[in-house]
């Protein structure tokens, strides 16, 4: 009875975490609801939901401390967490950064990326089909709103709260409305479209018609964002999903993230050679030139900093409440890491993110689950997307969902071996016998006496 209660509690906690993670991916949904019911005001920001995910996961970890860490980069996770803990007194003393600001910067950048260890006890607690359906249903709602915004050339939803606690970023591009749907930016909406486009590709083997429809709607919704980074990520993500879904070689797609990174760098070079600086359309290179100016400013700041600041960081973080001393945003993941926690932090988190992607790729190839294929494909574009923005939260939340729906391969192999043994005894095919054994329908008859 106690084991049953623990199992039920484990699944319940996992489902609650899944719901909270979807609210963090669709990061403007709860603020929009609050503004609707509270006359434009916000009571709780997304940091509350991040804290809730961490607290609930820790509580479930204490109640159900079963850990299966095979394949997961637990050691690298712990090294990153330990380094961030050691950084707190350094940032507080060397850069006079209040501890509250340090924790707020950690929440903005790393919380969802480092939540993996406390989710390990819940691996496979939620059906992959449930997470896939939640992803599709959430996307269809968001896509309908986003396409309506683009078609009407109106935001249709509030773009900021009355108390200033919420704001949609960059929802106008050269006089046109960028669809942001229920997100805090068009970029976040486009990233979700890329994930769902890859999910559509991954579903082609099982449900070809639904998979094609999901892919088409994802492409249309992504186009409505008018965000070139999202276009690039969408194409790379869907292409990688094709490779994982229909490829045959075990080593397929292993070096594609490098290719995507090179493509991202190439778009910068092509943009610099173009003279379309004020065309008023998607070929306008003004925003690219502005980004290069930002990167140049912060690169020079790093070069002129002291050796300890280069190694351990200067505590500079891209956050509206913490960036008041600096005139420009960062919009580059490697730069953001070096500015915040130094070269050591860049190396540690770089290794961690590579290992997290390799883990997803292995699980996608082993299980062939559509959501894991989509998640691995999405993560394959991290280096490319990181050139143009800081994307820790989106990728971290997708990885967390992948952990929760991952199948236990050891259990599968055990059932398969048992099923094969029963099948040989009864003349059944191993896969049929395995399913009968797993469902407990097949029972050996009692031999007659004598």
Protein backbone atom coordinates (compact mmCIF):
# COMPACT_ATOMS: atom_id res chain seq x y z
CA UNK A 1 0.00 0.00 0.00
CA UNK A 2 2.82 2.41 0.87
CA UNK A 3 4.55 1.61 -2.41
CA UNK A 4 1.32 2.32 -4.29
CA UNK A 5 0.88 5.66 -2.54
CA UNK A 6 4.48 6.62 -3.31
CA UNK A 7 4.01 5.66 -6.97
CA UNK A 8 0.80 7.68 -7.22
CA UNK A 9 2.44 10.65 -5.51
CA UNK A 10 5.39 10.38 -7.88
CA UNK A 11 3.14 10.58 -10.93
CA UNK A 12 1.08 13.38 -9.43
CA UNK A 13 4.18 15.45 -8.69
CA UNK A 14 5.50 14.80 -12.20
CA UNK A 15 2.23 15.94 -13.79
CA UNK A 16 2.24 19.14 -11.72
CA UNK A 17 5.84 19.79 -12.82
CA UNK A 18 4.84 19.24 -16.47
CA UNK A 19 2.03 21.80 -16.18
CA UNK A 20 4.36 24.36 -14.61
CA UNK A 21 7.01 23.73 -17.27
CA UNK A 22 4.50 24.39 -20.04
CA UNK A 23 3.56 27.67 -18.36
CA UNK A 24 7.27 28.56 -18.31
CA UNK A 25 7.65 27.70 -22.01
CA UNK A 26 4.51 29.63 -22.93
CA UNK A 27 5.84 32.37 -20.69
CA UNK A 28 3.22 35.04 -21.37
CA UNK A 29 0.10 32.97 -20.71
CA UNK A 30 -0.17 33.48 -16.95
CA UNK A 31 0.74 37.20 -17.10
CA UNK A 32 -1.92 37.70 -19.78
CA UNK A 33 -4.51 35.94 -17.62
CA UNK A 34 -3.56 38.06 -14.62
CA UNK A 35 -3.85 41.27 -16.65
CA UNK A 36 -7.26 40.15 -17.90
CA UNK A 37 -8.67 39.49 -14.42
CA UNK A 38 -6.73 42.12 -12.43
CA UNK A 39 -7.30 45.16 -14.65
CA UNK A 40 -3.88 45.11 -16.24
CA UNK A 41 -1.84 44.31 -13.13
CA UNK A 42 0.49 41.40 -12.34
CA UNK A 43 0.61 39.69 -8.96
CA UNK A 44 3.10 36.90 -9.67
CA UNK A 45 5.82 36.79 -12.30
CA UNK A 46 7.31 33.74 -13.97
CA UNK A 47 10.00 33.53 -11.29
CA UNK A 48 7.25 32.26 -8.95
CA UNK A 49 6.61 29.32 -11.27
CA UNK A 50 10.32 28.58 -11.57
CA UNK A 51 10.55 28.53 -7.79
CA UNK A 52 7.45 26.32 -7.64
CA UNK A 53 8.98 23.81 -10.08
CA UNK A 54 12.15 23.64 -8.00
CA UNK A 55 10.30 23.37 -4.67
CA UNK A 56 7.86 20.69 -5.85
CA UNK A 57 10.64 18.70 -7.51
CA UNK A 58 12.73 18.84 -4.32
CA UNK A 59 9.73 17.74 -2.25
CA UNK A 60 9.09 14.83 -4.59
CA UNK A 61 12.78 13.97 -4.53
CA UNK A 62 12.64 13.65 -0.73
CA UNK A 63 9.47 11.54 -0.84
CA UNK A 64 10.61 9.32 -3.72
CA UNK A 65 14.43 9.28 -3.63
CA UNK A 66 14.88 6.68 -6.35
CA UNK A 67 17.70 7.76 -8.65
CA UNK A 68 18.59 6.30 -12.06
CA UNK A 69 21.37 8.44 -13.45
CA UNK A 70 22.59 6.21 -16.27
CA UNK A 71 23.69 8.41 -19.16
CA UNK A 72 22.80 11.72 -17.55
CA UNK A 73 25.55 14.34 -17.05
CA UNK A 74 25.04 14.39 -13.29
CA UNK A 75 28.68 15.12 -12.47
CA UNK A 76 28.80 18.10 -14.84
CA UNK A 77 25.50 19.36 -13.46
CA UNK A 78 26.88 19.20 -9.92
CA UNK A 79 30.11 20.93 -10.98
CA UNK A 80 28.12 23.79 -12.51
CA UNK A 81 25.91 24.10 -9.43
CA UNK A 82 28.95 24.04 -7.14
CA UNK A 83 30.70 26.69 -9.22
CA UNK A 84 27.65 28.98 -9.06
CA UNK A 85 27.57 28.58 -5.28
CA UNK A 86 31.25 29.56 -5.07
CA UNK A 87 30.56 32.53 -7.35
CA UNK A 88 28.06 34.07 -4.91
CA UNK A 89 30.65 35.43 -2.42
CA UNK A 90 32.97 36.45 -5.29
CA UNK A 91 30.29 38.49 -7.09
CA UNK A 92 29.09 39.89 -3.78
CA UNK A 93 32.51 41.08 -2.60
CA UNK A 94 34.48 41.74 -5.77
CA UNK A 95 31.67 43.49 -7.66
CA UNK A 96 29.46 44.59 -4.76
CA UNK A 97 26.55 42.70 -6.24
CA UNK A 98 23.86 42.10 -3.60
CA UNK A 99 23.14 38.45 -2.93
CA UNK A 100 19.54 39.01 -3.97
CA UNK A 101 20.72 40.28 -7.36
CA UNK A 102 23.07 37.32 -7.73
CA UNK A 103 20.22 34.90 -7.07
CA UNK A 104 17.96 36.82 -9.44
CA UNK A 105 20.58 36.56 -12.18
CA UNK A 106 20.89 32.82 -11.55
CA UNK A 107 17.13 32.52 -11.82
CA UNK A 108 17.11 34.43 -15.11
CA UNK A 109 19.85 32.35 -16.72
CA UNK A 110 20.47 28.95 -15.18
CA UNK A 111 17.58 27.63 -13.08
CA UNK A 112 15.79 25.65 -15.79
CA UNK A 113 19.11 24.51 -17.25
CA UNK A 114 20.24 23.06 -13.90
CA UNK A 115 16.96 21.62 -12.64
CA UNK A 116 17.74 18.21 -14.13
CA UNK A 117 19.22 16.48 -11.04
CA UNK A 118 16.06 16.92 -8.95
CA UNK A 119 13.93 15.61 -11.84
CA UNK A 120 15.88 12.37 -12.16
CA UNK A 121 13.58 10.43 -9.76
CA UNK A 122 10.66 11.26 -12.07
CA UNK A 123 12.16 9.84 -15.27
CA UNK A 124 9.37 8.18 -17.23
CA UNK A 125 6.71 9.17 -14.68
CA UNK A 126 4.62 10.87 -17.38
CA UNK A 127 3.58 9.24 -20.61
CA UNK A 128 5.29 10.59 -23.72
CA UNK A 129 1.88 10.62 -25.39
CA UNK A 130 0.55 12.99 -22.72
CA UNK A 131 3.45 15.41 -23.14
CA UNK A 132 3.13 15.25 -26.94
CA UNK A 133 -0.58 16.00 -26.77
CA UNK A 134 -0.04 18.85 -24.31
CA UNK A 135 2.59 20.27 -26.66
CA UNK A 136 0.31 20.05 -29.69
CA UNK A 137 -2.79 21.45 -27.95
CA UNK A 138 -0.81 24.31 -26.41
CA UNK A 139 0.73 25.07 -29.76
CA UNK A 140 -2.60 25.11 -31.62
CA UNK A 141 -3.98 27.70 -29.22
CA UNK A 142 -0.82 29.80 -29.48
CA UNK A 143 -0.68 29.43 -33.27
CA UNK A 144 -4.28 30.59 -33.65
CA UNK A 145 -3.57 33.72 -31.61
CA UNK A 146 -0.26 34.41 -33.35
CA UNK A 147 -1.63 34.02 -36.87
CA UNK A 148 -4.59 36.24 -35.92
CA UNK A 149 -2.17 38.93 -34.69
CA UNK A 150 -0.23 38.80 -37.95
CA UNK A 151 -3.37 38.79 -40.12
CA UNK A 152 -5.00 41.67 -38.25
CA UNK A 153 -1.73 43.63 -37.99
CA UNK A 154 -2.72 44.27 -34.36
CA UNK A 155 -1.26 42.89 -31.11
CA UNK A 156 -4.79 41.92 -29.92
CA UNK A 157 -3.36 41.34 -26.41
CA UNK A 158 -1.80 43.79 -23.94
CA UNK A 159 1.91 44.32 -24.57
CA UNK A 160 2.66 45.64 -21.06
CA UNK A 161 1.04 45.68 -17.66
CA UNK A 162 -0.26 48.73 -15.85
CA UNK A 163 2.21 48.27 -13.01
CA UNK A 164 5.21 47.80 -15.33
CA UNK A 165 5.85 44.24 -14.13
CA UNK A 166 5.29 42.68 -17.56
CA UNK A 167 6.30 43.69 -21.05
CA UNK A 168 6.33 42.00 -24.45
CA UNK A 169 9.72 42.54 -26.07
CA UNK A 170 10.29 43.56 -29.70
CA UNK A 171 6.75 43.09 -30.95
CA UNK A 172 7.16 45.70 -33.71
CA UNK A 173 9.59 45.21 -36.61
CA UNK A 174 10.03 48.11 -39.07
CA UNK A 175 6.41 49.14 -38.58
CA UNK A 176 4.96 45.61 -38.78
CA UNK A 177 3.44 43.52 -35.99
CA UNK A 178 5.48 40.55 -34.92
CA UNK A 179 3.21 37.78 -33.70
CA UNK A 180 4.03 36.98 -30.08
CA UNK A 181 0.88 35.02 -29.17
CA UNK A 182 0.98 34.09 -25.45
CA UNK A 183 4.72 34.63 -25.10
CA UNK A 184 6.90 37.44 -23.81
CA UNK A 185 8.54 37.87 -27.21
CA UNK A 186 8.14 36.82 -30.80
CA UNK A 187 11.44 34.95 -30.50
CA UNK A 188 10.12 32.70 -27.74
CA UNK A 189 7.00 32.03 -29.80
CA UNK A 190 9.12 31.19 -32.84
CA UNK A 191 11.29 28.82 -30.82
CA UNK A 192 8.17 26.95 -29.71
CA UNK A 193 7.06 26.80 -33.35
CA UNK A 194 10.43 25.24 -34.26
CA UNK A 195 9.99 22.57 -31.56
CA UNK A 196 6.49 21.77 -32.82
CA UNK A 197 7.63 21.70 -36.45
CA UNK A 198 10.22 19.08 -35.50
CA UNK A 199 7.53 17.19 -33.58
CA UNK A 200 5.43 17.15 -36.74
CA UNK A 201 8.35 15.63 -38.66
CA UNK A 202 8.92 13.05 -35.91
CA UNK A 203 5.24 12.02 -36.09
CA UNK A 204 5.38 11.26 -39.82
CA UNK A 205 6.11 7.56 -39.29
CA UNK A 206 3.17 6.98 -36.95
CA UNK A 207 0.64 9.61 -38.06
CA UNK A 208 1.72 11.06 -41.42
CA UNK A 209 -1.34 13.25 -42.03
CA UNK A 210 -1.31 14.81 -38.56
CA UNK A 211 2.43 15.17 -38.71
CA UNK A 212 2.31 17.07 -42.02
CA UNK A 213 -0.51 19.31 -40.77
CA UNK A 214 1.40 20.11 -37.57
CA UNK A 215 4.52 20.90 -39.59
CA UNK A 216 2.63 23.22 -41.97
CA UNK A 217 0.84 25.10 -39.18
CA UNK A 218 4.15 25.41 -37.30
CA UNK A 219 5.78 26.90 -40.38
CA UNK A 220 3.00 29.43 -40.90
CA UNK A 221 3.03 30.42 -37.23
CA UNK A 222 6.82 30.75 -37.27
CA UNK A 223 6.64 33.00 -40.33
CA UNK A 224 4.18 35.27 -38.51
CA UNK A 225 6.86 36.11 -35.92
CA UNK A 226 8.90 38.05 -38.52
CA UNK A 227 12.00 36.93 -36.62
CA UNK A 228 14.87 35.75 -38.79
CA UNK A 229 16.53 33.81 -35.99
CA UNK A 230 13.34 31.78 -35.61
CA UNK A 231 13.30 31.06 -39.34
CA UNK A 232 16.86 29.77 -39.14
CA UNK A 233 16.18 27.66 -36.05
CA UNK A 234 12.95 26.29 -37.57
CA UNK A 235 14.68 25.11 -40.74
CA UNK A 236 17.65 23.57 -38.88
CA UNK A 237 15.44 21.90 -36.25
CA UNK A 238 13.09 20.33 -38.80
CA UNK A 239 15.97 19.20 -40.99
CA UNK A 240 17.62 17.53 -38.01
CA UNK A 241 14.32 15.84 -37.10
CA UNK A 242 14.20 14.42 -40.65
CA UNK A 243 17.69 12.99 -40.19
CA UNK A 244 16.86 11.37 -36.84
CA UNK A 245 13.47 10.06 -37.99
CA UNK A 246 14.34 8.61 -41.39
CA UNK A 247 18.12 8.18 -41.28
CA UNK A 248 19.69 4.74 -40.93
CA UNK A 249 23.26 5.30 -39.77
CA UNK A 250 23.83 5.12 -35.98
CA UNK A 251 26.14 8.16 -36.12
CA UNK A 252 23.70 10.29 -38.09
CA UNK A 253 23.45 13.93 -37.17
CA UNK A 254 26.40 13.88 -34.80
CA UNK A 255 28.18 16.88 -36.35
CA UNK A 256 25.13 18.80 -37.55
CA UNK A 257 25.19 21.29 -34.63
CA UNK A 258 28.60 22.42 -35.90
CA UNK A 259 27.10 22.84 -39.37
CA UNK A 260 24.21 24.87 -37.94
CA UNK A 261 26.67 27.05 -36.04
CA UNK A 262 28.62 27.70 -39.24
CA UNK A 263 25.37 28.57 -41.01
CA UNK A 264 24.59 31.06 -38.24
CA UNK A 265 28.00 32.68 -38.60
CA UNK A 266 27.52 32.75 -42.37
CA UNK A 267 24.30 34.73 -42.04
CA UNK A 268 26.26 37.41 -40.18
CA UNK A 269 28.87 37.58 -42.93
CA UNK A 270 26.22 37.70 -45.64
CA UNK A 271 24.38 40.44 -43.75
CA UNK A 272 27.54 42.51 -43.43
CA UNK A 273 28.16 42.30 -47.16
CA UNK A 274 24.60 43.35 -47.93
CA UNK A 275 23.74 47.03 -48.39
CA UNK A 276 20.08 46.66 -47.39
CA UNK A 277 20.27 48.70 -44.19
CA UNK A 278 16.94 50.56 -44.37
CA UNK A 279 14.68 48.53 -46.63
CA UNK A 280 11.85 48.23 -44.09
CA UNK A 281 11.46 44.45 -44.60
CA UNK A 282 13.08 41.18 -43.57
CA UNK A 283 16.16 42.03 -45.64
CA UNK A 284 16.84 45.04 -43.43
CA UNK A 285 20.28 44.61 -41.79
CA UNK A 286 19.94 47.44 -39.28
CA UNK A 287 19.21 45.07 -36.38
CA UNK A 288 22.22 42.92 -37.29
CA UNK A 289 24.49 45.97 -37.33
CA UNK A 290 23.07 46.98 -33.96
CA UNK A 291 23.83 43.54 -32.54
CA UNK A 292 27.39 43.62 -33.86
CA UNK A 293 27.81 47.00 -32.16
CA UNK A 294 26.62 45.46 -28.89
CA UNK A 295 28.96 42.48 -29.22
CA UNK A 296 31.90 44.75 -30.03
CA UNK A 297 31.21 46.90 -26.98
CA UNK A 298 31.09 43.96 -24.59
CA UNK A 299 34.03 42.19 -26.23
CA UNK A 300 36.17 45.26 -25.64
CA UNK A 301 34.86 45.42 -22.10
CA UNK A 302 36.08 41.85 -21.53
CA UNK A 303 39.48 42.55 -23.08
CA UNK A 304 39.95 45.58 -20.85
CA UNK A 305 38.84 43.83 -17.68
CA UNK A 306 41.18 42.48 -15.01
CA UNK A 307 42.38 38.84 -15.05
CA UNK A 308 40.02 37.79 -12.21
CA UNK A 309 37.09 39.31 -14.12
CA UNK A 310 38.07 37.42 -17.25
CA UNK A 311 38.35 34.14 -15.34
CA UNK A 312 35.45 34.44 -12.88
CA UNK A 313 33.22 37.07 -14.49
CA UNK A 314 32.17 40.65 -13.91
CA UNK A 315 28.62 39.96 -12.77
CA UNK A 316 27.08 41.63 -15.84
CA UNK A 317 23.73 40.04 -16.69
CA UNK A 318 21.06 40.79 -19.30
CA UNK A 319 18.08 41.62 -17.14
CA UNK A 320 15.90 44.72 -17.10
CA UNK A 321 16.38 45.14 -13.36
CA UNK A 322 20.11 44.40 -13.28
CA UNK A 323 21.47 46.03 -16.47
CA UNK A 324 20.98 49.66 -15.50
CA UNK A 325 24.73 50.43 -15.54
CA UNK A 326 25.25 49.28 -19.12
CA UNK A 327 23.73 50.95 -22.20
CA UNK A 328 23.30 47.85 -24.38
CA UNK A 329 21.85 44.36 -24.19
CA UNK A 330 24.11 41.36 -24.78
CA UNK A 331 22.09 38.99 -27.01
CA UNK A 332 24.84 36.37 -27.27
CA UNK A 333 25.11 33.26 -25.14
CA UNK A 334 28.94 32.87 -24.97
CA UNK A 335 29.38 36.59 -24.26
CA UNK A 336 26.66 36.45 -21.61
CA UNK A 337 28.42 33.58 -19.81
CA UNK A 338 31.85 35.23 -19.83
CA UNK A 339 30.45 38.59 -18.69
CA UNK A 340 28.49 36.98 -15.89
CA UNK A 341 30.60 34.11 -14.52
CA UNK A 342 33.84 34.23 -16.55
CA UNK A 343 35.73 31.87 -18.81
CA UNK A 344 35.50 29.10 -16.22
CA UNK A 345 31.71 29.37 -16.31
CA UNK A 346 31.72 29.37 -20.11
CA UNK A 347 33.75 26.14 -20.19
CA UNK A 348 31.65 24.38 -17.54
CA UNK A 349 28.30 25.31 -19.02
CA UNK A 350 29.54 24.71 -22.55
CA UNK A 351 30.50 21.14 -21.62
CA UNK A 352 27.19 20.68 -19.78
CA UNK A 353 25.07 21.79 -22.73
CA UNK A 354 27.00 19.56 -25.13
CA UNK A 355 26.47 16.58 -22.83
CA UNK A 356 22.78 17.38 -22.43
CA UNK A 357 22.33 17.42 -26.20
CA UNK A 358 24.28 14.17 -26.65
CA UNK A 359 22.07 12.57 -24.01
CA UNK A 360 18.90 13.63 -25.82
CA UNK A 361 20.27 12.41 -29.14
CA UNK A 362 21.12 8.97 -27.70
CA UNK A 363 17.68 8.62 -26.14
CA UNK A 364 15.94 9.78 -29.33
CA UNK A 365 17.78 7.16 -31.39
CA UNK A 366 17.22 4.42 -28.80
CA UNK A 367 13.51 5.00 -28.10
CA UNK A 368 12.33 6.70 -31.33
CA UNK A 369 9.85 8.69 -29.26
CA UNK A 370 8.55 11.66 -31.28
CA UNK A 371 8.93 14.16 -28.45
CA UNK A 372 12.49 13.06 -27.72
CA UNK A 373 13.32 13.37 -31.42
CA UNK A 374 11.86 16.89 -31.43
CA UNK A 375 13.72 17.81 -28.23
CA UNK A 376 17.05 16.48 -29.54
CA UNK A 377 16.52 18.33 -32.84
CA UNK A 378 15.68 21.54 -31.01
CA UNK A 379 18.78 21.22 -28.83
CA UNK A 380 20.94 20.63 -31.90
CA UNK A 381 20.35 24.28 -32.83
CA UNK A 382 21.48 25.66 -29.45
CA UNK A 383 24.91 26.81 -30.69
CA UNK A 384 23.31 28.50 -33.69
CA UNK A 385 20.55 30.20 -31.68
CA UNK A 386 23.07 31.24 -29.01
CA UNK A 387 24.90 33.42 -31.52
CA UNK A 388 21.98 35.85 -31.65
CA UNK A 389 20.35 35.62 -28.24
CA UNK A 390 20.43 34.17 -24.71
CA UNK A 391 18.30 31.04 -24.81
CA UNK A 392 18.92 29.10 -21.60
CA UNK A 393 15.34 28.95 -20.31
CA UNK A 394 13.61 27.65 -23.46
CA UNK A 395 16.10 24.84 -23.97
CA UNK A 396 16.23 23.97 -20.27
CA UNK A 397 12.44 23.58 -20.03
CA UNK A 398 12.35 21.31 -23.10
CA UNK A 399 15.11 19.13 -21.63
CA UNK A 400 13.17 18.86 -18.36
CA UNK A 401 10.08 17.64 -20.24
CA UNK A 402 12.21 15.11 -22.08
CA UNK A 403 13.47 13.68 -18.78
CA UNK A 404 9.94 13.33 -17.43
CA UNK A 405 8.68 11.36 -20.45
CA UNK A 406 11.78 9.26 -21.11
CA UNK A 407 11.17 5.52 -21.16
CA UNK A 408 13.12 3.25 -18.84
CA UNK A 409 15.08 1.17 -21.34
CA UNK A 410 16.22 -1.29 -18.69
CA UNK A 411 12.58 -2.07 -17.88
CA UNK A 412 11.81 -2.45 -21.58
CA UNK A 413 14.68 -4.89 -22.06
CA UNK A 414 13.60 -6.89 -19.02
CA UNK A 415 10.01 -7.21 -20.27
CA UNK A 416 11.27 -8.04 -23.76
CA UNK A 417 13.55 -10.81 -22.48
CA UNK A 418 10.77 -12.23 -20.29
CA UNK A 419 8.35 -12.06 -23.19
CA UNK A 420 10.80 -13.81 -25.51
CA UNK A 421 11.25 -16.64 -22.99
CA UNK A 422 7.48 -17.10 -22.60
CA UNK A 423 7.02 -16.94 -26.36
CA UNK A 424 9.52 -19.72 -26.94
CA UNK A 425 7.70 -21.91 -24.44
CA UNK A 426 4.26 -21.29 -25.98
CA UNK A 427 5.15 -20.85 -29.64
CA UNK A 428 4.28 -17.14 -29.68
CA UNK A 429 6.18 -14.37 -31.34
CA UNK A 430 8.48 -12.65 -28.78
CA UNK A 431 6.91 -9.22 -29.19
CA UNK A 432 3.38 -10.64 -28.76
CA UNK A 433 4.41 -12.74 -25.81
CA UNK A 434 6.16 -9.72 -24.27
CA UNK A 435 3.04 -7.61 -24.49
CA UNK A 436 0.94 -10.40 -22.99
CA UNK A 437 3.41 -10.91 -20.17
CA UNK A 438 3.63 -7.19 -19.48
CA UNK A 439 -0.15 -6.84 -19.33
CA UNK A 440 -0.40 -10.01 -17.20
CA UNK A 441 -2.97 -11.59 -19.53
CA UNK A 442 -0.85 -14.66 -20.24
CA UNK A 443 -0.77 -17.05 -17.30
CA UNK A 444 0.81 -20.48 -17.30
CA UNK A 445 -1.80 -23.15 -16.68
CA UNK A 446 -1.45 -25.42 -13.68
CA UNK A 447 -0.21 -28.79 -14.88
CA UNK A 448 -2.61 -31.67 -14.22
CA UNK A 449 -1.68 -34.05 -11.41
CA UNK A 450 0.10 -37.25 -12.21
